[in-house]
Amino acid sequence: MGQQGTLACLVGIPVGIITLLVVILVPLSFSDLQYYEYGFLKRKSTGTVYMDKVYSGGRHFVGPDYHFKVFQADAHFEELTSIAVFSLDKLEIRVTCRFQYFLRKDDLPLLHETYDRFYHNVMKTSAIDALKSASPEFNTRDFFEERRLVEDTLADAVKLRLEGNCCKKDCANSTEDSDKVEKIENQAREISHNATAQSELITSRADAQAVAVVEEARNSGLSLIYERLDLTSADHKASFNYIRTLRDHESVHLSVNYDTLITGFTASGRG
């Protein structure tokens, strides 16, 4: 083998290795996202997630040491079944609702930083809180006779809670200050409604428990009286309860009555 052959061999080996690496690494450097997915770059070797850019569906050249941490970009469907809420007249009503929501691409870094991918239960809990806060605006009859109005009001409450009242992108009709003020006012109204409903519910339960305690004490006292007075028959017990009931009325005056046999002398001088 001559000098030229040796030189060609020395050049060819590195070129072949490089070519082989290119053939292997280039396909591994592409990562795909479906049309219904968002993604952050995530490094395989370290697990680091890079949130400076949100990727949409398509094939992306990201390098062999990267892949995507995926989020759902299409509609999320949720169903809340038999949620207990309270009406204006403090009666419990069961509500079932279904709703859908989308993740905002621009807000995805904040979502990831706050909840990672565990935001589903947060959305459900927020929707339930919205339902419970808005329900006391209606009495029980409204839930049946004004069904459309109730449904629209509850839907708006859930939408406001999940979507917020901030100005959408490229909107020129709102200011940041007005959005802060409106958000605080809505939260204050929700807290007030919820506190009022809870307070009235606690009061009703306390009244019911008080009545139960009084009745239990009354029954125990009557049992003791029956035992002490040796009242065993139902008639005697009923008579005692009747007298006791009459005594509780202010307009009733009780007195002891008895028959008197008067003896004396008659006109004939005989008794």
C-alpha atoms as a PDB file:
ATOM      1  CA  MET A   1       0.000   0.000   0.000  1.00  0.00           C
ATOM      2  CA  GLY A   2       1.437   3.338  -1.005  1.00  0.00           C
ATOM      3  CA  GLN A   3       1.535   6.624   0.805  1.00  0.00           C
ATOM      4  CA  GLN A   4      -1.596   7.826  -0.952  1.00  0.00           C
ATOM      5  CA  GLY A   5      -3.496   4.716   0.077  1.00  0.00           C
ATOM      6  CA  THR A   6      -2.426   5.141   3.690  1.00  0.00           C
ATOM      7  CA  LEU A   7      -3.522   8.786   3.618  1.00  0.00           C
ATOM      8  CA  ALA A   8      -6.884   7.874   2.089  1.00  0.00           C
ATOM      9  CA  CYS A   9      -7.398   5.252   4.754  1.00  0.00           C
ATOM     10  CA  LEU A  10      -6.579   7.677   7.553  1.00  0.00           C
ATOM     11  CA  VAL A  11      -8.992  10.261   6.132  1.00  0.00           C
ATOM     12  CA  GLY A  12     -11.696   7.753   5.325  1.00  0.00           C
ATOM     13  CA  ILE A  13     -11.981   6.278   8.813  1.00  0.00           C
ATOM     14  CA  PRO A  14     -12.902   9.574  10.600  1.00  0.00           C
ATOM     15  CA  VAL A  15     -15.210  10.545   7.751  1.00  0.00           C
ATOM     16  CA  GLY A  16     -16.958   7.206   8.015  1.00  0.00           C
ATOM     17  CA  ILE A  17     -17.320   7.531  11.749  1.00  0.00           C
ATOM     18  CA  ILE A  18     -18.716  11.023  11.399  1.00  0.00           C
ATOM     19  CA  THR A  19     -21.088   9.890   8.670  1.00  0.00           C
ATOM     20  CA  LEU A  20     -22.272   7.016  10.852  1.00  0.00           C
ATOM     21  CA  LEU A  21     -22.820   9.325  13.798  1.00  0.00           C
ATOM     22  CA  VAL A  22     -24.785  11.731  11.612  1.00  0.00           C
ATOM     23  CA  VAL A  23     -26.939   8.900  10.298  1.00  0.00           C
ATOM     24  CA  ILE A  24     -27.650   7.750  13.869  1.00  0.00           C
ATOM     25  CA  LEU A  25     -27.928  11.068  15.729  1.00  0.00           C
ATOM     26  CA  VAL A  26     -29.854  13.174  13.243  1.00  0.00           C
ATOM     27  CA  PRO A  27     -33.033  11.029  13.386  1.00  0.00           C
ATOM     28  CA  LEU A  28     -32.691  10.925  17.177  1.00  0.00           C
ATOM     29  CA  SER A  29     -32.528  14.715  17.251  1.00  0.00           C
ATOM     30  CA  PHE A  30     -36.122  15.102  16.015  1.00  0.00           C
ATOM     31  CA  SER A  31     -38.997  14.995  18.465  1.00  0.00           C
ATOM     32  CA  ASP A  32     -42.687  15.095  17.571  1.00  0.00           C
ATOM     33  CA  LEU A  33     -45.699  16.787  19.122  1.00  0.00           C
ATOM     34  CA  GLN A  34     -49.229  15.915  18.037  1.00  0.00           C
ATOM     35  CA  TYR A  35     -51.585  18.662  16.904  1.00  0.00           C
ATOM     36  CA  TYR A  36     -53.443  18.393  20.233  1.00  0.00           C
ATOM     37  CA  GLU A  37     -50.308  18.813  22.359  1.00  0.00           C
ATOM     38  CA  TYR A  38     -48.114  21.561  23.796  1.00  0.00           C
ATOM     39  CA  GLY A  39     -44.632  20.852  25.048  1.00  0.00           C
ATOM     40  CA  PHE A  40     -41.625  22.136  26.961  1.00  0.00           C
ATOM     41  CA  LEU A  41     -38.127  20.971  26.145  1.00  0.00           C
ATOM     42  CA  LYS A  42     -36.837  18.506  28.723  1.00  0.00           C
ATOM     43  CA  ARG A  43     -33.270  17.261  28.887  1.00  0.00           C
ATOM     44  CA  LYS A  44     -33.043  13.495  29.174  1.00  0.00           C
ATOM     45  CA  SER A  45     -29.702  13.391  30.957  1.00  0.00           C
ATOM     46  CA  THR A  46     -30.577  15.863  33.737  1.00  0.00           C
ATOM     47  CA  GLY A  47     -34.391  16.050  33.760  1.00  0.00           C
ATOM     48  CA  THR A  48     -34.269  19.860  33.465  1.00  0.00           C
ATOM     49  CA  VAL A  49     -37.381  21.470  31.934  1.00  0.00           C
ATOM     50  CA  TYR A  50     -36.906  24.631  29.872  1.00  0.00           C
ATOM     51  CA  MET A  51     -39.950  26.919  30.008  1.00  0.00           C
ATOM     52  CA  ASP A  52     -38.668  29.799  27.894  1.00  0.00           C
ATOM     53  CA  LYS A  53     -40.573  28.492  24.868  1.00  0.00           C
ATOM     54  CA  VAL A  54     -43.838  26.577  24.430  1.00  0.00           C
ATOM     55  CA  TYR A  55     -43.822  24.271  21.409  1.00  0.00           C
ATOM     56  CA  SER A  56     -46.918  23.384  19.399  1.00  0.00           C
ATOM     57  CA  GLY A  57     -47.713  20.358  17.265  1.00  0.00           C
ATOM     58  CA  GLY A  58     -45.194  19.307  14.622  1.00  0.00           C
ATOM     59  CA  ARG A  59     -41.738  17.760  14.185  1.00  0.00           C
ATOM     60  CA  HIS A  60     -38.968  19.723  15.884  1.00  0.00           C
ATOM     61  CA  PHE A  61     -35.184  19.423  15.699  1.00  0.00           C
ATOM     62  CA  VAL A  62     -34.192  19.583  19.373  1.00  0.00           C
ATOM     63  CA  GLY A  63     -31.081  17.412  19.642  1.00  0.00           C
ATOM     64  CA  PRO A  64     -30.573  13.816  20.775  1.00  0.00           C
ATOM     65  CA  ASP A  65     -30.521  14.649  24.499  1.00  0.00           C
ATOM     66  CA  TYR A  66     -33.908  16.391  24.500  1.00  0.00           C
ATOM     67  CA  HIS A  67     -37.543  15.411  24.299  1.00  0.00           C
ATOM     68  CA  PHE A  68     -40.856  17.103  25.168  1.00  0.00           C
ATOM     69  CA  LYS A  69     -42.781  17.330  28.388  1.00  0.00           C
ATOM     70  CA  VAL A  70     -46.299  17.228  27.012  1.00  0.00           C
ATOM     71  CA  PHE A  71     -49.444  19.142  27.969  1.00  0.00           C
ATOM     72  CA  GLN A  72     -52.921  18.750  26.516  1.00  0.00           C
ATOM     73  CA  ALA A  73     -53.686  21.500  23.987  1.00  0.00           C
ATOM     74  CA  ASP A  74     -57.240  20.496  23.024  1.00  0.00           C
ATOM     75  CA  ALA A  75     -60.373  20.643  25.171  1.00  0.00           C
ATOM     76  CA  HIS A  76     -60.408  19.207  28.691  1.00  0.00           C
ATOM     77  CA  PHE A  77     -63.797  17.701  29.555  1.00  0.00           C
ATOM     78  CA  GLU A  78     -64.922  17.555  33.188  1.00  0.00           C
ATOM     79  CA  GLU A  79     -68.091  16.298  34.876  1.00  0.00           C
ATOM     80  CA  LEU A  80     -69.170  17.183  38.425  1.00  0.00           C
ATOM     81  CA  THR A  81     -71.832  14.789  39.683  1.00  0.00           C
ATOM     82  CA  SER A  82     -74.276  15.382  42.541  1.00  0.00           C
ATOM     83  CA  ILE A  83     -72.532  18.366  44.094  1.00  0.00           C
ATOM     84  CA  ALA A  84     -74.239  19.538  47.316  1.00  0.00           C
ATOM     85  CA  VAL A  85     -75.084  23.273  47.280  1.00  0.00           C
ATOM     86  CA  PHE A  86     -77.418  25.393  49.412  1.00  0.00           C
ATOM     87  CA  SER A  87     -80.243  27.604  48.180  1.00  0.00           C
ATOM     88  CA  LEU A  88     -81.273  31.005  49.535  1.00  0.00           C
ATOM     89  CA  ASP A  89     -83.789  29.326  51.853  1.00  0.00           C
ATOM     90  CA  LYS A  90     -81.002  27.122  53.244  1.00  0.00           C
ATOM     91  CA  LEU A  91     -82.085  23.835  51.683  1.00  0.00           C
ATOM     92  CA  GLU A  92     -79.559  21.417  50.233  1.00  0.00           C
ATOM     93  CA  ILE A  93     -79.770  20.810  46.480  1.00  0.00           C
ATOM     94  CA  ARG A  94     -77.721  18.393  44.378  1.00  0.00           C
ATOM     95  CA  VAL A  95     -76.273  19.817  41.156  1.00  0.00           C
ATOM     96  CA  THR A  96     -74.620  17.990  38.249  1.00  0.00           C
ATOM     97  CA  CYS A  97     -72.722  19.923  35.592  1.00  0.00           C
ATOM     98  CA  ARG A  98     -70.350  19.349  32.690  1.00  0.00           C
ATOM     99  CA  PHE A  99     -67.867  21.828  31.296  1.00  0.00           C
ATOM    100  CA  GLN A 100     -64.779  22.046  29.113  1.00  0.00           C
ATOM    101  CA  TYR A 101     -61.731  24.277  29.208  1.00  0.00           C
ATOM    102  CA  PHE A 102     -58.496  24.925  27.287  1.00  0.00           C
ATOM    103  CA  LEU A 103     -55.015  25.736  28.504  1.00  0.00           C
ATOM    104  CA  ARG A 104     -53.700  29.112  27.428  1.00  0.00           C
ATOM    105  CA  LYS A 105     -50.426  28.686  25.595  1.00  0.00           C
ATOM    106  CA  ASP A 106     -49.049  32.000  26.855  1.00  0.00           C
ATOM    107  CA  ASP A 107     -49.838  31.074  30.477  1.00  0.00           C
ATOM    108  CA  LEU A 108     -48.491  27.530  30.287  1.00  0.00           C
ATOM    109  CA  PRO A 109     -45.130  28.394  31.958  1.00  0.00           C
ATOM    110  CA  LEU A 110     -46.998  29.839  34.955  1.00  0.00           C
ATOM    111  CA  LEU A 111     -49.272  26.793  35.102  1.00  0.00           C
ATOM    112  CA  HIS A 112     -46.282  24.453  35.040  1.00  0.00           C
ATOM    113  CA  GLU A 113     -44.463  26.446  37.696  1.00  0.00           C
ATOM    114  CA  THR A 114     -47.508  26.415  39.990  1.00  0.00           C
ATOM    115  CA  TYR A 115     -49.105  22.995  39.461  1.00  0.00           C
ATOM    116  CA  ASP A 116     -46.857  21.096  37.047  1.00  0.00           C
ATOM    117  CA  ARG A 117     -49.266  18.675  35.292  1.00  0.00           C
ATOM    118  CA  PHE A 118     -51.447  18.153  38.370  1.00  0.00           C
ATOM    119  CA  TYR A 119     -53.975  20.883  37.663  1.00  0.00           C
ATOM    120  CA  HIS A 120     -57.080  18.766  36.942  1.00  0.00           C
ATOM    121  CA  ASN A 121     -58.234  18.491  40.569  1.00  0.00           C
ATOM    122  CA  VAL A 122     -57.570  22.197  41.072  1.00  0.00           C
ATOM    123  CA  MET A 123     -59.916  22.997  38.187  1.00  0.00           C
ATOM    124  CA  LYS A 124     -62.623  20.725  39.627  1.00  0.00           C
ATOM    125  CA  THR A 125     -62.298  22.207  43.107  1.00  0.00           C
ATOM    126  CA  SER A 126     -62.437  25.753  41.739  1.00  0.00           C
ATOM    127  CA  ALA A 127     -65.577  24.935  39.744  1.00  0.00           C
ATOM    128  CA  ILE A 128     -67.260  23.407  42.814  1.00  0.00           C
ATOM    129  CA  ASP A 129     -66.442  26.512  44.882  1.00  0.00           C
ATOM    130  CA  ALA A 130     -67.978  28.681  42.166  1.00  0.00           C
ATOM    131  CA  LEU A 131     -71.178  26.607  42.173  1.00  0.00           C
ATOM    132  CA  LYS A 132     -71.492  26.781  45.955  1.00  0.00           C
ATOM    133  CA  SER A 133     -70.891  30.542  45.974  1.00  0.00           C
ATOM    134  CA  ALA A 134     -73.479  31.324  43.285  1.00  0.00           C
ATOM    135  CA  SER A 135     -76.264  28.945  44.403  1.00  0.00           C
ATOM    136  CA  PRO A 136     -77.457  30.998  47.445  1.00  0.00           C
ATOM    137  CA  GLU A 137     -78.638  33.694  45.023  1.00  0.00           C
ATOM    138  CA  PHE A 138     -81.706  31.533  44.304  1.00  0.00           C
ATOM    139  CA  ASN A 139     -84.357  29.906  46.464  1.00  0.00           C
ATOM    140  CA  THR A 140     -85.438  26.306  46.045  1.00  0.00           C
ATOM    141  CA  ARG A 141     -88.380  27.158  43.804  1.00  0.00           C
ATOM    142  CA  ASP A 142     -86.121  29.075  41.410  1.00  0.00           C
ATOM    143  CA  PHE A 143     -84.110  25.908  40.757  1.00  0.00           C
ATOM    144  CA  PHE A 144     -87.266  24.392  39.236  1.00  0.00           C
ATOM    145  CA  GLU A 145     -89.259  27.332  37.865  1.00  0.00           C
ATOM    146  CA  GLU A 146     -86.322  29.512  36.708  1.00  0.00           C
ATOM    147  CA  ARG A 147     -84.084  26.681  35.564  1.00  0.00           C
ATOM    148  CA  ARG A 148     -82.570  28.493  32.561  1.00  0.00           C
ATOM    149  CA  LEU A 149     -81.671  31.547  34.624  1.00  0.00           C
ATOM    150  CA  VAL A 150     -80.097  29.388  37.334  1.00  0.00           C
ATOM    151  CA  GLU A 151     -78.104  27.381  34.777  1.00  0.00           C
ATOM    152  CA  ASP A 152     -76.796  30.529  33.059  1.00  0.00           C
ATOM    153  CA  THR A 153     -75.827  32.116  36.374  1.00  0.00           C
ATOM    154  CA  LEU A 154     -74.005  29.015  37.589  1.00  0.00           C
ATOM    155  CA  ALA A 155     -72.261  28.632  34.211  1.00  0.00           C
ATOM    156  CA  ASP A 156     -71.081  32.257  34.326  1.00  0.00           C
ATOM    157  CA  ALA A 157     -69.792  31.740  37.867  1.00  0.00           C
ATOM    158  CA  VAL A 158     -67.766  28.688  36.831  1.00  0.00           C
ATOM    159  CA  LYS A 159     -66.466  30.462  33.735  1.00  0.00           C
ATOM    160  CA  LEU A 160     -65.398  33.490  35.732  1.00  0.00           C
ATOM    161  CA  ARG A 161     -63.643  31.347  38.326  1.00  0.00           C
ATOM    162  CA  LEU A 162     -61.696  29.290  35.753  1.00  0.00           C
ATOM    163  CA  GLU A 163     -61.103  31.963  33.128  1.00  0.00           C
ATOM    164  CA  GLY A 164     -60.642  34.946  35.403  1.00  0.00           C
ATOM    165  CA  ASN A 165     -61.636  38.471  34.470  1.00  0.00           C
ATOM    166  CA  CYS A 166     -58.317  39.646  33.134  1.00  0.00           C
ATOM    167  CA  CYS A 167     -58.184  41.268  29.734  1.00  0.00           C
ATOM    168  CA  LYS A 168     -57.611  38.817  26.887  1.00  0.00           C
ATOM    169  CA  LYS A 169     -54.663  39.177  24.555  1.00  0.00           C
ATOM    170  CA  ASP A 170     -54.766  42.260  22.268  1.00  0.00           C
ATOM    171  CA  CYS A 171     -57.807  43.596  24.132  1.00  0.00           C
ATOM    172  CA  ALA A 172     -57.793  47.407  24.328  1.00  0.00           C
ATOM    173  CA  ASN A 173     -60.991  47.953  26.309  1.00  0.00           C
ATOM    174  CA  SER A 174     -59.714  47.066  29.773  1.00  0.00           C
ATOM    175  CA  THR A 175     -56.968  48.258  32.060  1.00  0.00           C
ATOM    176  CA  GLU A 176     -54.896  46.321  34.529  1.00  0.00           C
ATOM    177  CA  ASP A 177     -56.115  48.398  37.464  1.00  0.00           C
ATOM    178  CA  SER A 178     -59.806  47.844  36.720  1.00  0.00           C
ATOM    179  CA  ASP A 179     -59.185  44.065  36.402  1.00  0.00           C
ATOM    180  CA  LYS A 180     -57.498  43.989  39.841  1.00  0.00           C
ATOM    181  CA  VAL A 181     -60.438  45.902  41.433  1.00  0.00           C
ATOM    182  CA  GLU A 182     -63.131  43.733  39.757  1.00  0.00           C
ATOM    183  CA  LYS A 183     -61.391  40.524  40.765  1.00  0.00           C
ATOM    184  CA  ILE A 184     -61.211  41.603  44.408  1.00  0.00           C
ATOM    185  CA  GLU A 185     -64.867  42.662  44.426  1.00  0.00           C
ATOM    186  CA  ASN A 186     -65.964  39.303  42.978  1.00  0.00           C
ATOM    187  CA  GLN A 187     -63.914  37.435  45.549  1.00  0.00           C
ATOM    188  CA  ALA A 188     -65.419  39.544  48.329  1.00  0.00           C
ATOM    189  CA  ARG A 189     -68.969  38.817  47.133  1.00  0.00           C
ATOM    190  CA  GLU A 190     -68.242  35.112  46.908  1.00  0.00           C
ATOM    191  CA  ILE A 191     -66.753  35.032  50.397  1.00  0.00           C
ATOM    192  CA  SER A 192     -69.728  36.976  51.779  1.00  0.00           C
ATOM    193  CA  HIS A 193     -72.333  34.668  50.186  1.00  0.00           C
ATOM    194  CA  ASN A 194     -70.498  31.579  51.317  1.00  0.00           C
ATOM    195  CA  ALA A 195     -70.059  32.872  54.877  1.00  0.00           C
ATOM    196  CA  THR A 196     -73.750  33.809  55.124  1.00  0.00           C
ATOM    197  CA  ALA A 197     -74.908  30.413  53.898  1.00  0.00           C
ATOM    198  CA  GLN A 198     -72.546  28.572  56.227  1.00  0.00           C
ATOM    199  CA  SER A 199     -73.576  30.728  59.198  1.00  0.00           C
ATOM    200  CA  GLU A 200     -77.272  30.126  58.615  1.00  0.00           C
ATOM    201  CA  LEU A 201     -76.679  26.412  58.163  1.00  0.00           C
ATOM    202  CA  ILE A 202     -74.757  26.222  61.446  1.00  0.00           C
ATOM    203  CA  THR A 203     -77.534  28.134  63.223  1.00  0.00           C
ATOM    204  CA  SER A 204     -80.229  25.804  61.862  1.00  0.00           C
ATOM    205  CA  ARG A 205     -78.290  22.742  62.930  1.00  0.00           C
ATOM    206  CA  ALA A 206     -77.702  24.210  66.382  1.00  0.00           C
ATOM    207  CA  ASP A 207     -81.427  24.934  66.801  1.00  0.00           C
ATOM    208  CA  ALA A 208     -82.305  21.393  65.770  1.00  0.00           C
ATOM    209  CA  GLN A 209     -79.760  19.937  68.177  1.00  0.00           C
ATOM    210  CA  ALA A 210     -81.086  22.136  70.992  1.00  0.00           C
ATOM    211  CA  VAL A 211     -84.626  20.899  70.406  1.00  0.00           C
ATOM    212  CA  ALA A 212     -83.390  17.312  70.408  1.00  0.00           C
ATOM    213  CA  VAL A 213     -81.568  17.838  73.723  1.00  0.00           C
ATOM    214  CA  VAL A 214     -84.652  19.408  75.329  1.00  0.00           C
ATOM    215  CA  GLU A 215     -86.903  16.582  74.133  1.00  0.00           C
ATOM    216  CA  GLU A 216     -84.471  13.975  75.398  1.00  0.00           C
ATOM    217  CA  ALA A 217     -84.349  15.656  78.816  1.00  0.00           C
ATOM    218  CA  ARG A 218     -88.147  15.916  78.853  1.00  0.00           C
ATOM    219  CA  ASN A 219     -88.574  12.225  78.126  1.00  0.00           C
ATOM    220  CA  SER A 220     -86.051  11.299  80.809  1.00  0.00           C
ATOM    221  CA  GLY A 221     -87.818  13.540  83.339  1.00  0.00           C
ATOM    222  CA  LEU A 222     -91.238  12.071  82.564  1.00  0.00           C
ATOM    223  CA  SER A 223     -89.889   8.561  82.962  1.00  0.00           C
ATOM    224  CA  LEU A 224     -88.526   9.486  86.388  1.00  0.00           C
ATOM    225  CA  ILE A 225     -91.847  11.084  87.435  1.00  0.00           C
ATOM    226  CA  TYR A 226     -93.830   8.031  86.310  1.00  0.00           C
ATOM    227  CA  GLU A 227     -91.511   5.850  88.343  1.00  0.00           C
ATOM    228  CA  ARG A 228     -91.689   8.022  91.472  1.00  0.00           C
ATOM    229  CA  LEU A 229     -95.493   8.352  91.323  1.00  0.00           C
ATOM    230  CA  ASP A 230     -95.952   4.718  90.389  1.00  0.00           C
ATOM    231  CA  LEU A 231     -97.886   5.617  87.253  1.00  0.00           C
ATOM    232  CA  THR A 232     -97.974   2.461  85.185  1.00  0.00           C
ATOM    233  CA  SER A 233    -101.215   2.524  83.216  1.00  0.00           C
ATOM    234  CA  ALA A 234    -101.554   4.452  79.994  1.00  0.00           C
ATOM    235  CA  ASP A 235    -104.688   6.236  81.258  1.00  0.00           C
ATOM    236  CA  HIS A 236    -102.934   7.565  84.334  1.00  0.00           C
ATOM    237  CA  LYS A 237     -99.999   8.756  82.283  1.00  0.00           C
ATOM    238  CA  ALA A 238    -102.318  10.443  79.764  1.00  0.00           C
ATOM    239  CA  SER A 239    -104.237  12.189  82.574  1.00  0.00           C
ATOM    240  CA  PHE A 240    -101.010  13.406  84.122  1.00  0.00           C
ATOM    241  CA  ASN A 241     -99.789  14.756  80.789  1.00  0.00           C
ATOM    242  CA  TYR A 242    -103.144  16.454  80.180  1.00  0.00           C
ATOM    243  CA  ILE A 243    -103.020  18.239  83.558  1.00  0.00           C
ATOM    244  CA  ARG A 244     -99.412  19.167  82.912  1.00  0.00           C
ATOM    245  CA  THR A 245    -100.305  20.616  79.507  1.00  0.00           C
ATOM    246  CA  LEU A 246    -103.168  22.677  80.952  1.00  0.00           C
ATOM    247  CA  ARG A 247    -100.878  24.051  83.628  1.00  0.00           C
ATOM    248  CA  ASP A 248     -98.552  25.462  80.960  1.00  0.00           C
ATOM    249  CA  HIS A 249    -101.333  27.678  79.552  1.00  0.00           C
ATOM    250  CA  GLU A 250    -101.494  31.122  81.145  1.00  0.00           C
ATOM    251  CA  SER A 251    -105.239  31.430  80.538  1.00  0.00           C
ATOM    252  CA  VAL A 252    -106.052  28.266  82.495  1.00  0.00           C
ATOM    253  CA  HIS A 253    -106.510  28.410  86.287  1.00  0.00           C
ATOM    254  CA  LEU A 254    -106.517  25.149  88.204  1.00  0.00           C
ATOM    255  CA  SER A 255    -108.283  24.565  91.510  1.00  0.00           C
ATOM    256  CA  VAL A 256    -109.062  21.529  93.630  1.00  0.00           C
ATOM    257  CA  ASN A 257    -112.742  20.519  93.682  1.00  0.00           C
ATOM    258  CA  TYR A 258    -114.525  18.137  96.017  1.00  0.00           C
ATOM    259  CA  ASP A 259    -118.053  17.162  96.993  1.00  0.00           C
ATOM    260  CA  THR A 260    -119.207  18.086 100.520  1.00  0.00           C
ATOM    261  CA  LEU A 261    -121.954  16.313 102.459  1.00  0.00           C
ATOM    262  CA  ILE A 262    -123.563  18.915 104.755  1.00  0.00           C
ATOM    263  CA  THR A 263    -125.498  17.564 107.694  1.00  0.00           C
ATOM    264  CA  GLY A 264    -127.667  19.621 109.991  1.00  0.00           C
ATOM    265  CA  PHE A 265    -130.974  19.855 111.692  1.00  0.00           C
ATOM    266  CA  THR A 266    -134.064  20.009 109.598  1.00  0.00           C
ATOM    267  CA  ALA A 267    -137.213  21.849 110.509  1.00  0.00           C
ATOM    268  CA  SER A 268    -138.504  18.738 112.191  1.00  0.00           C
ATOM    269  CA  GLY A 269    -135.448  18.676 114.384  1.00  0.00           C
ATOM    270  CA  ARG A 270    -134.013  15.559 112.795  1.00  0.00           C
ATOM    271  CA  GLY A 271    -130.781  15.262 111.068  1.00  0.00           C
END
